Amino acid sequence: MLEPKGKLCTLTCFVDADHGRDQLTRRSVTGIILLLNNTPILWVSKRQNTVETSTYGSELVASRIAIEHMIAMKYCLRMLGVKLEDSSMMVGDNMAVILNTTIPSSAIKKKHQACICQKIRECLAAGFIGNGHIPSEDNVADIMTKPLGKVLFEKATSQYLFRKISNSDIEEKEEKEEK
């Protein structure tokens, strides 16, 4: 591993799931956006491998997938010599998932969900990640799971280095094409 150099970087993960999105198989869609210092470096929109019977189950599976991506990204960045904060933040809009993964006494009845919860709890206990709640309308990962209208899409993407195209940009492009 290279010696970490440069300024301290922050890794943040937005996670969301759209329960039963696929009309044919009724599988949910996981949406993940991983930010390094507020810059998107990884984004995932993928149908889940399992059929979940509840929104809670699909959000829990999405959180597990997000943690696996965070582990891999932290390892990759550390091997490249990037100086990272010890704890990364994972935020989602499902309060039940956040409470059940942060409170060790909560009991999960389904075995596969209990295993997922245990993995998330281990990461939280080790201080590897922090778990937080964000209102659904502010969750950037929504762009990876749901078809959003123009206003909601622009609201979600405007603060994360997505450039708005203005009329002057279009005119400049047309002038260059004419030359």
N, C-alpha and C. Protein backbone atom coordinates (compact mmCIF):
# COMPACT_ATOMS: atom_id res chain seq x y z
N MET A 1 0.85 -1.18 0.00
CA MET A 1 0.00 0.00 0.00
C MET A 1 0.89 1.24 0.00
N LEU A 2 0.56 2.18 -0.83
CA LEU A 2 1.30 3.43 -0.90
C LEU A 2 1.03 4.29 0.33
N GLU A 3 2.01 5.13 0.65
CA GLU A 3 1.82 6.07 1.75
C GLU A 3 0.76 7.10 1.34
N PRO A 4 -0.30 7.29 2.17
CA PRO A 4 -1.34 8.27 1.80
C PRO A 4 -0.78 9.68 1.74
N LYS A 5 -1.10 10.38 0.67
CA LYS A 5 -0.63 11.76 0.48
C LYS A 5 -1.79 12.65 0.11
N GLY A 6 -1.57 13.92 0.20
CA GLY A 6 -2.60 14.88 -0.19
C GLY A 6 -3.55 15.19 0.95
N LYS A 7 -4.60 15.88 0.60
CA LYS A 7 -5.60 16.28 1.59
C LYS A 7 -6.51 15.11 1.93
N LEU A 8 -7.11 15.18 3.08
CA LEU A 8 -8.04 14.15 3.54
C LEU A 8 -9.30 14.16 2.69
N CYS A 9 -9.71 13.00 2.20
CA CYS A 9 -10.88 12.87 1.34
C CYS A 9 -12.02 12.19 2.08
N THR A 10 -13.23 12.53 1.68
CA THR A 10 -14.44 11.97 2.27
C THR A 10 -15.16 11.12 1.25
N LEU A 11 -15.58 9.94 1.66
CA LEU A 11 -16.36 9.04 0.81
C LEU A 11 -17.79 9.00 1.34
N THR A 12 -18.75 9.34 0.50
CA THR A 12 -20.16 9.36 0.88
C THR A 12 -20.95 8.51 -0.11
N CYS A 13 -21.94 7.78 0.41
CA CYS A 13 -22.74 6.91 -0.44
C CYS A 13 -24.23 7.21 -0.26
N PHE A 14 -24.90 7.43 -1.37
CA PHE A 14 -26.36 7.56 -1.38
C PHE A 14 -26.93 6.25 -1.91
N VAL A 15 -27.91 5.70 -1.22
CA VAL A 15 -28.47 4.41 -1.62
C VAL A 15 -29.99 4.49 -1.63
N ASP A 16 -30.59 3.80 -2.60
CA ASP A 16 -32.05 3.74 -2.70
C ASP A 16 -32.45 2.46 -3.42
N ALA A 17 -33.67 2.04 -3.20
CA ALA A 17 -34.21 0.89 -3.93
C ALA A 17 -35.64 1.20 -4.31
N ASP A 18 -36.03 0.73 -5.48
CA ASP A 18 -37.40 0.89 -5.95
C ASP A 18 -38.03 -0.49 -5.93
N HIS A 19 -38.91 -0.72 -4.96
CA HIS A 19 -39.48 -2.04 -4.73
C HIS A 19 -40.36 -2.51 -5.89
N GLY A 20 -40.06 -3.69 -6.39
CA GLY A 20 -40.88 -4.30 -7.44
C GLY A 20 -40.91 -3.54 -8.74
N ARG A 21 -39.86 -2.85 -9.09
CA ARG A 21 -39.82 -1.99 -10.27
C ARG A 21 -40.01 -2.76 -11.58
N ASP A 22 -39.35 -3.91 -11.70
CA ASP A 22 -39.43 -4.70 -12.92
C ASP A 22 -40.82 -5.33 -13.01
N GLN A 23 -41.60 -4.95 -13.98
CA GLN A 23 -42.98 -5.41 -14.12
C GLN A 23 -43.08 -6.91 -14.38
N LEU A 24 -42.11 -7.48 -15.05
CA LEU A 24 -42.15 -8.90 -15.41
C LEU A 24 -41.74 -9.80 -14.25
N THR A 25 -40.62 -9.53 -13.63
CA THR A 25 -40.11 -10.40 -12.56
C THR A 25 -40.41 -9.89 -11.16
N ARG A 26 -40.85 -8.65 -11.03
CA ARG A 26 -41.12 -8.00 -9.75
C ARG A 26 -39.88 -7.88 -8.88
N ARG A 27 -38.73 -7.85 -9.52
CA ARG A 27 -37.50 -7.60 -8.78
C ARG A 27 -37.32 -6.11 -8.60
N SER A 28 -36.68 -5.75 -7.50
CA SER A 28 -36.44 -4.35 -7.20
C SER A 28 -35.18 -3.86 -7.90
N VAL A 29 -35.05 -2.55 -7.99
CA VAL A 29 -33.87 -1.94 -8.60
C VAL A 29 -33.09 -1.21 -7.52
N THR A 30 -31.79 -1.47 -7.47
CA THR A 30 -30.89 -0.81 -6.53
C THR A 30 -30.26 0.39 -7.22
N GLY A 31 -30.20 1.50 -6.52
CA GLY A 31 -29.53 2.70 -7.02
C GLY A 31 -28.49 3.17 -6.01
N ILE A 32 -27.26 3.33 -6.47
CA ILE A 32 -26.16 3.75 -5.59
C ILE A 32 -25.36 4.84 -6.29
N ILE A 33 -25.05 5.89 -5.56
CA ILE A 33 -24.13 6.91 -6.04
C ILE A 33 -23.07 7.11 -4.97
N LEU A 34 -21.81 6.90 -5.34
CA LEU A 34 -20.68 7.03 -4.44
C LEU A 34 -19.94 8.32 -4.79
N LEU A 35 -19.75 9.17 -3.78
CA LEU A 35 -19.11 10.47 -3.98
C LEU A 35 -17.78 10.52 -3.25
N LEU A 36 -16.78 11.03 -3.92
CA LEU A 36 -15.50 11.31 -3.29
C LEU A 36 -15.37 12.83 -3.27
N ASN A 37 -15.39 13.39 -2.05
CA ASN A 37 -15.38 14.85 -1.89
C ASN A 37 -16.45 15.52 -2.74
N ASN A 38 -17.65 15.00 -2.69
CA ASN A 38 -18.81 15.58 -3.37
C ASN A 38 -18.75 15.45 -4.89
N THR A 39 -17.88 14.58 -5.40
CA THR A 39 -17.79 14.32 -6.82
C THR A 39 -18.19 12.87 -7.09
N PRO A 40 -19.16 12.62 -7.95
CA PRO A 40 -19.56 11.24 -8.22
C PRO A 40 -18.42 10.45 -8.88
N ILE A 41 -18.07 9.30 -8.28
CA ILE A 41 -17.04 8.46 -8.86
C ILE A 41 -17.56 7.08 -9.22
N LEU A 42 -18.73 6.71 -8.68
CA LEU A 42 -19.33 5.42 -9.00
C LEU A 42 -20.83 5.56 -8.91
N TRP A 43 -21.53 5.05 -9.91
CA TRP A 43 -22.98 5.05 -9.87
C TRP A 43 -23.46 3.71 -10.40
N VAL A 44 -24.47 3.17 -9.72
CA VAL A 44 -24.98 1.84 -10.05
C VAL A 44 -26.49 1.90 -10.11
N SER A 45 -27.04 1.31 -11.14
CA SER A 45 -28.47 1.09 -11.25
C SER A 45 -28.64 -0.32 -11.77
N LYS A 46 -29.07 -1.23 -10.88
CA LYS A 46 -29.09 -2.64 -11.25
C LYS A 46 -30.27 -3.34 -10.60
N ARG A 47 -30.85 -4.26 -11.37
CA ARG A 47 -31.93 -5.07 -10.84
C ARG A 47 -31.34 -6.04 -9.81
N GLN A 48 -32.04 -6.20 -8.69
CA GLN A 48 -31.58 -7.09 -7.63
C GLN A 48 -31.75 -8.55 -8.05
N ASN A 49 -30.93 -9.43 -7.47
CA ASN A 49 -30.97 -10.85 -7.81
C ASN A 49 -32.13 -11.58 -7.15
N THR A 50 -32.67 -11.03 -6.08
CA THR A 50 -33.74 -11.69 -5.35
C THR A 50 -35.04 -10.90 -5.46
N VAL A 51 -36.15 -11.59 -5.26
CA VAL A 51 -37.46 -10.94 -5.21
C VAL A 51 -37.78 -10.71 -3.74
N GLU A 52 -37.94 -9.48 -3.36
CA GLU A 52 -38.25 -9.13 -1.97
C GLU A 52 -39.73 -8.85 -1.83
N THR A 53 -40.28 -9.22 -0.69
CA THR A 53 -41.72 -9.07 -0.48
C THR A 53 -42.10 -7.71 0.11
N SER A 54 -41.11 -6.89 0.44
CA SER A 54 -41.40 -5.60 1.04
C SER A 54 -40.37 -4.55 0.61
N THR A 55 -40.75 -3.30 0.79
CA THR A 55 -39.83 -2.21 0.52
C THR A 55 -38.63 -2.31 1.47
N TYR A 56 -38.90 -2.67 2.72
CA TYR A 56 -37.83 -2.82 3.70
C TYR A 56 -36.78 -3.82 3.21
N GLY A 57 -37.22 -4.97 2.71
CA GLY A 57 -36.30 -5.99 2.22
C GLY A 57 -35.46 -5.50 1.06
N SER A 58 -36.09 -4.81 0.11
CA SER A 58 -35.33 -4.32 -1.04
C SER A 58 -34.36 -3.22 -0.65
N GLU A 59 -34.73 -2.36 0.29
CA GLU A 59 -33.82 -1.31 0.77
C GLU A 59 -32.65 -1.92 1.55
N LEU A 60 -32.91 -2.99 2.29
CA LEU A 60 -31.86 -3.67 3.04
C LEU A 60 -30.85 -4.32 2.10
N VAL A 61 -31.34 -4.97 1.06
CA VAL A 61 -30.46 -5.57 0.05
C VAL A 61 -29.63 -4.48 -0.63
N ALA A 62 -30.25 -3.35 -0.94
CA ALA A 62 -29.54 -2.25 -1.58
C ALA A 62 -28.44 -1.71 -0.66
N SER A 63 -28.70 -1.66 0.63
CA SER A 63 -27.68 -1.20 1.58
C SER A 63 -26.50 -2.16 1.63
N ARG A 64 -26.77 -3.45 1.57
CA ARG A 64 -25.68 -4.44 1.55
C ARG A 64 -24.81 -4.26 0.31
N ILE A 65 -25.45 -4.09 -0.83
CA ILE A 65 -24.72 -3.89 -2.09
C ILE A 65 -23.89 -2.61 -2.01
N ALA A 66 -24.46 -1.56 -1.42
CA ALA A 66 -23.74 -0.29 -1.28
C ALA A 66 -22.51 -0.46 -0.39
N ILE A 67 -22.64 -1.21 0.69
CA ILE A 67 -21.50 -1.44 1.58
C ILE A 67 -20.40 -2.20 0.86
N GLU A 68 -20.77 -3.18 0.06
CA GLU A 68 -19.76 -3.93 -0.69
C GLU A 68 -19.03 -3.02 -1.68
N HIS A 69 -19.74 -2.11 -2.31
CA HIS A 69 -19.10 -1.15 -3.22
C HIS A 69 -18.20 -0.19 -2.44
N MET A 70 -18.63 0.21 -1.26
CA MET A 70 -17.82 1.12 -0.45
C MET A 70 -16.53 0.43 0.01
N ILE A 71 -16.62 -0.82 0.41
CA ILE A 71 -15.43 -1.57 0.83
C ILE A 71 -14.43 -1.66 -0.33
N ALA A 72 -14.94 -2.02 -1.50
CA ALA A 72 -14.06 -2.14 -2.67
C ALA A 72 -13.44 -0.80 -3.05
N MET A 73 -14.22 0.27 -3.01
CA MET A 73 -13.71 1.59 -3.39
C MET A 73 -12.69 2.10 -2.38
N LYS A 74 -12.96 1.89 -1.08
CA LYS A 74 -12.00 2.32 -0.07
C LYS A 74 -10.67 1.57 -0.26
N TYR A 75 -10.74 0.29 -0.53
CA TYR A 75 -9.53 -0.49 -0.75
C TYR A 75 -8.77 0.04 -1.97
N CYS A 76 -9.48 0.25 -3.05
CA CYS A 76 -8.86 0.75 -4.29
C CYS A 76 -8.20 2.11 -4.07
N LEU A 77 -8.90 3.02 -3.41
CA LEU A 77 -8.36 4.37 -3.19
C LEU A 77 -7.16 4.33 -2.25
N ARG A 78 -7.20 3.49 -1.24
CA ARG A 78 -6.06 3.39 -0.32
C ARG A 78 -4.85 2.81 -1.03
N MET A 79 -5.07 1.83 -1.91
CA MET A 79 -3.95 1.25 -2.66
C MET A 79 -3.34 2.27 -3.62
N LEU A 80 -4.12 3.26 -4.04
CA LEU A 80 -3.61 4.31 -4.91
C LEU A 80 -2.95 5.45 -4.13
N GLY A 81 -3.00 5.38 -2.79
CA GLY A 81 -2.36 6.40 -1.97
C GLY A 81 -3.23 7.59 -1.65
N VAL A 82 -4.54 7.43 -1.76
CA VAL A 82 -5.45 8.52 -1.42
C VAL A 82 -5.67 8.50 0.10
N LYS A 83 -5.58 9.66 0.71
CA LYS A 83 -5.79 9.79 2.15
C LYS A 83 -7.29 9.91 2.42
N LEU A 84 -7.87 8.89 3.07
CA LEU A 84 -9.31 8.84 3.32
C LEU A 84 -9.63 8.98 4.80
N GLU A 85 -10.80 9.54 5.08
CA GLU A 85 -11.30 9.54 6.45
C GLU A 85 -11.53 8.09 6.87
N ASP A 86 -11.42 7.82 8.17
CA ASP A 86 -11.60 6.46 8.66
C ASP A 86 -13.01 5.95 8.44
N SER A 87 -13.99 6.82 8.64
CA SER A 87 -15.39 6.42 8.52
C SER A 87 -16.03 7.12 7.31
N SER A 88 -16.78 6.36 6.55
CA SER A 88 -17.53 6.90 5.41
C SER A 88 -19.01 6.91 5.77
N MET A 89 -19.75 7.79 5.13
CA MET A 89 -21.18 7.93 5.43
C MET A 89 -22.02 7.29 4.35
N MET A 90 -22.99 6.48 4.78
CA MET A 90 -23.98 5.92 3.86
C MET A 90 -25.34 6.46 4.27
N VAL A 91 -26.03 7.11 3.33
CA VAL A 91 -27.33 7.69 3.65
C VAL A 91 -28.39 7.08 2.74
N GLY A 92 -29.56 6.87 3.32
CA GLY A 92 -30.70 6.33 2.60
C GLY A 92 -31.98 6.94 3.12
N ASP A 93 -33.07 6.65 2.43
CA ASP A 93 -34.34 7.27 2.80
C ASP A 93 -35.30 6.33 3.53
N ASN A 94 -34.86 5.11 3.89
CA ASN A 94 -35.72 4.17 4.59
C ASN A 94 -35.32 4.13 6.06
N MET A 95 -36.14 4.75 6.90
CA MET A 95 -35.82 4.86 8.33
C MET A 95 -35.81 3.50 9.02
N ALA A 96 -36.64 2.56 8.60
CA ALA A 96 -36.68 1.24 9.22
C ALA A 96 -35.35 0.51 9.05
N VAL A 97 -34.75 0.62 7.87
CA VAL A 97 -33.45 -0.02 7.63
C VAL A 97 -32.39 0.61 8.53
N ILE A 98 -32.40 1.91 8.65
CA ILE A 98 -31.41 2.60 9.46
C ILE A 98 -31.55 2.22 10.93
N LEU A 99 -32.78 2.19 11.43
CA LEU A 99 -32.99 1.84 12.84
C LEU A 99 -32.64 0.37 13.11
N ASN A 100 -33.07 -0.54 12.26
CA ASN A 100 -32.80 -1.96 12.49
C ASN A 100 -31.33 -2.32 12.37
N THR A 101 -30.58 -1.57 11.59
CA THR A 101 -29.15 -1.87 11.46
C THR A 101 -28.31 -1.18 12.52
N THR A 102 -28.83 -0.13 13.15
CA THR A 102 -28.07 0.57 14.19
C THR A 102 -28.42 0.11 15.59
N ILE A 103 -29.59 -0.48 15.79
CA ILE A 103 -29.99 -0.96 17.12
C ILE A 103 -29.76 -2.48 17.17
N PRO A 104 -28.75 -2.92 17.92
CA PRO A 104 -28.42 -4.35 17.93
C PRO A 104 -29.52 -5.26 18.49
N SER A 105 -30.40 -4.72 19.32
CA SER A 105 -31.43 -5.57 19.93
C SER A 105 -32.61 -5.85 19.00
N SER A 106 -32.68 -5.18 17.86
CA SER A 106 -33.81 -5.41 16.96
C SER A 106 -33.69 -6.79 16.32
N ALA A 107 -34.80 -7.50 16.31
CA ALA A 107 -34.81 -8.88 15.80
C ALA A 107 -35.36 -8.90 14.38
N ILE A 108 -34.69 -9.60 13.50
CA ILE A 108 -35.12 -9.77 12.13
C ILE A 108 -35.52 -11.24 11.97
N LYS A 109 -36.71 -11.50 11.47
CA LYS A 109 -37.23 -12.87 11.39
C LYS A 109 -36.71 -13.65 10.18
N LYS A 110 -36.55 -12.99 9.05
CA LYS A 110 -36.09 -13.70 7.85
C LYS A 110 -34.57 -13.86 7.91
N LYS A 111 -34.11 -15.09 7.67
CA LYS A 111 -32.70 -15.41 7.84
C LYS A 111 -31.79 -14.60 6.92
N HIS A 112 -32.15 -14.47 5.64
CA HIS A 112 -31.27 -13.73 4.73
C HIS A 112 -31.22 -12.25 5.09
N GLN A 113 -32.32 -11.70 5.60
CA GLN A 113 -32.30 -10.31 6.03
C GLN A 113 -31.49 -10.14 7.31
N ALA A 114 -31.55 -11.13 8.20
CA ALA A 114 -30.76 -11.09 9.43
C ALA A 114 -29.27 -11.11 9.11
N CYS A 115 -28.89 -11.90 8.10
CA CYS A 115 -27.47 -11.96 7.68
C CYS A 115 -27.01 -10.62 7.11
N ILE A 116 -27.88 -10.01 6.31
CA ILE A 116 -27.55 -8.70 5.74
C ILE A 116 -27.41 -7.66 6.85
N CYS A 117 -28.35 -7.69 7.80
CA CYS A 117 -28.30 -6.75 8.92
C CYS A 117 -27.01 -6.92 9.71
N GLN A 118 -26.60 -8.17 9.91
CA GLN A 118 -25.38 -8.43 10.67
C GLN A 118 -24.16 -7.85 9.97
N LYS A 119 -24.10 -7.97 8.66
CA LYS A 119 -22.97 -7.41 7.90
C LYS A 119 -22.91 -5.89 8.06
N ILE A 120 -24.07 -5.24 7.96
CA ILE A 120 -24.13 -3.79 8.11
C ILE A 120 -23.76 -3.39 9.53
N ARG A 121 -24.27 -4.14 10.53
CA ARG A 121 -23.95 -3.84 11.94
C ARG A 121 -22.46 -3.98 12.22
N GLU A 122 -21.82 -4.98 11.62
CA GLU A 122 -20.38 -5.16 11.81
C GLU A 122 -19.61 -3.96 11.27
N CYS A 123 -20.01 -3.46 10.11
CA CYS A 123 -19.35 -2.28 9.53
C CYS A 123 -19.56 -1.05 10.40
N LEU A 124 -20.77 -0.91 10.95
CA LEU A 124 -21.06 0.22 11.84
C LEU A 124 -20.25 0.11 13.13
N ALA A 125 -20.20 -1.09 13.72
CA ALA A 125 -19.48 -1.29 14.97
C ALA A 125 -17.98 -1.06 14.80
N ALA A 126 -17.44 -1.42 13.65
CA ALA A 126 -16.02 -1.23 13.38
C ALA A 126 -15.69 0.23 13.09
N GLY A 127 -16.71 1.05 12.91
CA GLY A 127 -16.48 2.46 12.59
C GLY A 127 -16.12 2.68 11.13
N PHE A 128 -16.32 1.65 10.34
CA PHE A 128 -16.01 1.72 8.92
C PHE A 128 -16.97 2.64 8.18
N ILE A 129 -18.25 2.56 8.56
CA ILE A 129 -19.26 3.43 7.96
C ILE A 129 -20.13 4.05 9.04
N GLY A 130 -20.79 5.12 8.68
CA GLY A 130 -21.83 5.71 9.48
C GLY A 130 -23.11 5.62 8.66
N ASN A 131 -24.23 5.49 9.35
CA ASN A 131 -25.50 5.30 8.68
C ASN A 131 -26.37 6.51 8.97
N GLY A 132 -26.96 7.12 7.97
CA GLY A 132 -27.79 8.30 8.18
C GLY A 132 -29.04 8.30 7.33
N HIS A 133 -30.01 9.08 7.76
CA HIS A 133 -31.29 9.21 7.05
C HIS A 133 -31.30 10.52 6.28
N ILE A 134 -31.90 10.45 5.11
CA ILE A 134 -32.08 11.64 4.27
C ILE A 134 -33.50 11.58 3.72
N PRO A 135 -34.21 12.70 3.67
CA PRO A 135 -35.56 12.67 3.10
C PRO A 135 -35.53 12.19 1.64
N SER A 136 -36.56 11.49 1.25
CA SER A 136 -36.61 10.89 -0.08
C SER A 136 -36.42 11.92 -1.20
N GLU A 137 -36.97 13.11 -1.02
CA GLU A 137 -36.85 14.13 -2.07
C GLU A 137 -35.44 14.68 -2.20
N ASP A 138 -34.58 14.44 -1.19
CA ASP A 138 -33.19 14.89 -1.24
C ASP A 138 -32.21 13.77 -1.56
N ASN A 139 -32.70 12.55 -1.73
CA ASN A 139 -31.83 11.41 -1.99
C ASN A 139 -31.43 11.39 -3.47
N VAL A 140 -30.16 11.62 -3.72
CA VAL A 140 -29.64 11.69 -5.08
C VAL A 140 -29.76 10.34 -5.79
N ALA A 141 -29.74 9.25 -5.03
CA ALA A 141 -29.81 7.91 -5.63
C ALA A 141 -31.15 7.66 -6.31
N ASP A 142 -32.13 8.51 -6.08
CA ASP A 142 -33.43 8.38 -6.77
C ASP A 142 -33.28 8.44 -8.28
N ILE A 143 -32.28 9.17 -8.77
CA ILE A 143 -32.10 9.26 -10.22
C ILE A 143 -31.70 7.92 -10.82
N MET A 144 -31.22 7.00 -9.97
CA MET A 144 -30.79 5.68 -10.45
C MET A 144 -31.91 4.64 -10.37
N THR A 145 -33.01 4.96 -9.68
CA THR A 145 -34.07 3.97 -9.47
C THR A 145 -35.42 4.34 -10.04
N LYS A 146 -35.66 5.62 -10.23
CA LYS A 146 -37.00 6.05 -10.64
C LYS A 146 -36.92 6.99 -11.84
N PRO A 147 -37.92 6.94 -12.69
CA PRO A 147 -37.97 7.95 -13.75
C PRO A 147 -38.46 9.28 -13.15
N LEU A 148 -37.60 10.26 -13.14
CA LEU A 148 -37.95 11.56 -12.55
C LEU A 148 -38.25 12.58 -13.63
N GLY A 149 -39.11 13.51 -13.30
CA GLY A 149 -39.39 14.62 -14.21
C GLY A 149 -38.19 15.55 -14.27
N LYS A 150 -38.23 16.49 -15.18
CA LYS A 150 -37.11 17.39 -15.41
C LYS A 150 -36.76 18.20 -14.16
N VAL A 151 -37.77 18.72 -13.47
CA VAL A 151 -37.53 19.57 -12.30
C VAL A 151 -36.86 18.76 -11.18
N LEU A 152 -37.38 17.57 -10.88
CA LEU A 152 -36.80 16.75 -9.83
C LEU A 152 -35.40 16.26 -10.20
N PHE A 153 -35.20 15.91 -11.47
CA PHE A 153 -33.89 15.45 -11.92
C PHE A 153 -32.85 16.56 -11.79
N GLU A 154 -33.20 17.77 -12.22
CA GLU A 154 -32.27 18.90 -12.12
C GLU A 154 -31.98 19.27 -10.68
N LYS A 155 -33.00 19.15 -9.81
CA LYS A 155 -32.79 19.44 -8.39
C LYS A 155 -31.80 18.45 -7.79
N ALA A 156 -31.94 17.19 -8.14
CA ALA A 156 -31.06 16.15 -7.60
C ALA A 156 -29.64 16.24 -8.12
N THR A 157 -29.47 16.63 -9.36
CA THR A 157 -28.14 16.61 -9.97
C THR A 157 -27.41 17.95 -9.93
N SER A 158 -28.09 19.04 -9.66
CA SER A 158 -27.49 20.37 -9.78
C SER A 158 -26.30 20.59 -8.85
N GLN A 159 -26.29 19.96 -7.70
CA GLN A 159 -25.22 20.22 -6.74
C GLN A 159 -24.03 19.26 -6.86
N TYR A 160 -24.06 18.36 -7.82
CA TYR A 160 -23.00 17.36 -7.93
C TYR A 160 -22.27 17.41 -9.26
N LEU A 161 -21.82 18.58 -9.64
CA LEU A 161 -20.97 18.79 -10.80
C LEU A 161 -21.60 18.39 -12.13
N PHE A 162 -22.90 18.32 -12.19
CA PHE A 162 -23.56 18.12 -13.47
C PHE A 162 -23.80 19.50 -14.04
N ARG A 163 -23.30 19.76 -15.21
CA ARG A 163 -23.35 21.09 -15.80
C ARG A 163 -24.69 21.35 -16.46
N LYS A 164 -25.26 22.51 -16.18
CA LYS A 164 -26.48 22.92 -16.85
C LYS A 164 -26.10 23.53 -18.20
N ILE A 165 -26.83 23.19 -19.21
CA ILE A 165 -26.57 23.74 -20.53
C ILE A 165 -27.39 25.01 -20.70
N SER A 166 -26.70 26.10 -20.98
CA SER A 166 -27.39 27.37 -21.18
C SER A 166 -27.50 27.66 -22.67
N ASN A 167 -28.27 28.68 -23.01
CA ASN A 167 -28.43 29.07 -24.42
C ASN A 167 -27.12 29.51 -25.03
N SER A 168 -26.27 30.18 -24.26
CA SER A 168 -24.98 30.63 -24.79
C SER A 168 -24.08 29.44 -25.14
N ASP A 169 -24.15 28.35 -24.36
CA ASP A 169 -23.38 27.14 -24.67
C ASP A 169 -23.83 26.53 -25.99
N ILE A 170 -25.13 26.52 -26.22
CA ILE A 170 -25.67 25.96 -27.46
C ILE A 170 -25.23 26.80 -28.66
N GLU A 171 -25.29 28.14 -28.49
CA GLU A 171 -24.88 29.04 -29.57
C GLU A 171 -23.38 28.86 -29.89
N GLU A 172 -22.55 28.73 -28.85
CA GLU A 172 -21.11 28.53 -29.06
C GLU A 172 -20.86 27.22 -29.82
N LYS A 173 -21.57 26.19 -29.47
CA LYS A 173 -21.41 24.90 -30.12
C LYS A 173 -21.81 24.99 -31.58
N GLU A 174 -22.90 25.67 -31.88
CA GLU A 174 -23.34 25.83 -33.26
C GLU A 174 -22.33 26.62 -34.08
N GLU A 175 -21.74 27.66 -33.47
CA GLU A 175 -20.73 28.46 -34.16
C GLU A 175 -19.50 27.63 -34.50
N LYS A 176 -19.07 26.78 -33.57
CA LYS A 176 -17.92 25.92 -33.81
C LYS A 176 -18.18 24.91 -34.92
N GLU A 177 -19.42 24.40 -34.94
CA GLU A 177 -19.78 23.42 -35.98
C GLU A 177 -19.83 24.06 -37.35
N GLU A 178 -20.22 25.34 -37.42
CA GLU A 178 -20.29 26.05 -38.71
C GLU A 178 -18.89 26.31 -39.28
N LYS A 179 -17.90 26.49 -38.40
CA LYS A 179 -16.54 26.80 -38.84
C LYS A 179 -15.88 25.56 -39.31
